Amino acid sequence: MSKLFNHNLIDVQIRFTFFIVLISVFVGLFRFVPYKGADPDILRIDVNKAGFDQLISVPYIGIKNAEKIIKIRKEKGGITDLKQLKNLRYYKRFKYFLKVE
């Protein structure tokens, strides 16, 4: 049985594999920079400045909600607080994508 396996060759292969894995881990540690995240306020859309196309691009705001937001904005001369949109469908979902400036 010992003639089937060359123990020296197996030993060299194990050491080589270990070395390659060690180098890969070492290089990988310096390759990736931790993601600090984007400022969430940058990603939000201002309700008073957004047009119809921008509003419908927001998740959970469809055509009807976009029309209602524009209607509320015109009636009240602008939105001062997001809670003014509380009666709209999916408000609890889309409020995180909007801001008032």
Foldseek 3Di string as FASTA:
>chain_A
DPVVDDVVVVVVVVVVVVVVVVVVVVVVVPPDDDDPDDDLVVQAAELLPDDLVVQCVQPPQHNVNSVVSVVVCVVVVHDPDLVVSVPDPPSVPRVSRHDHD
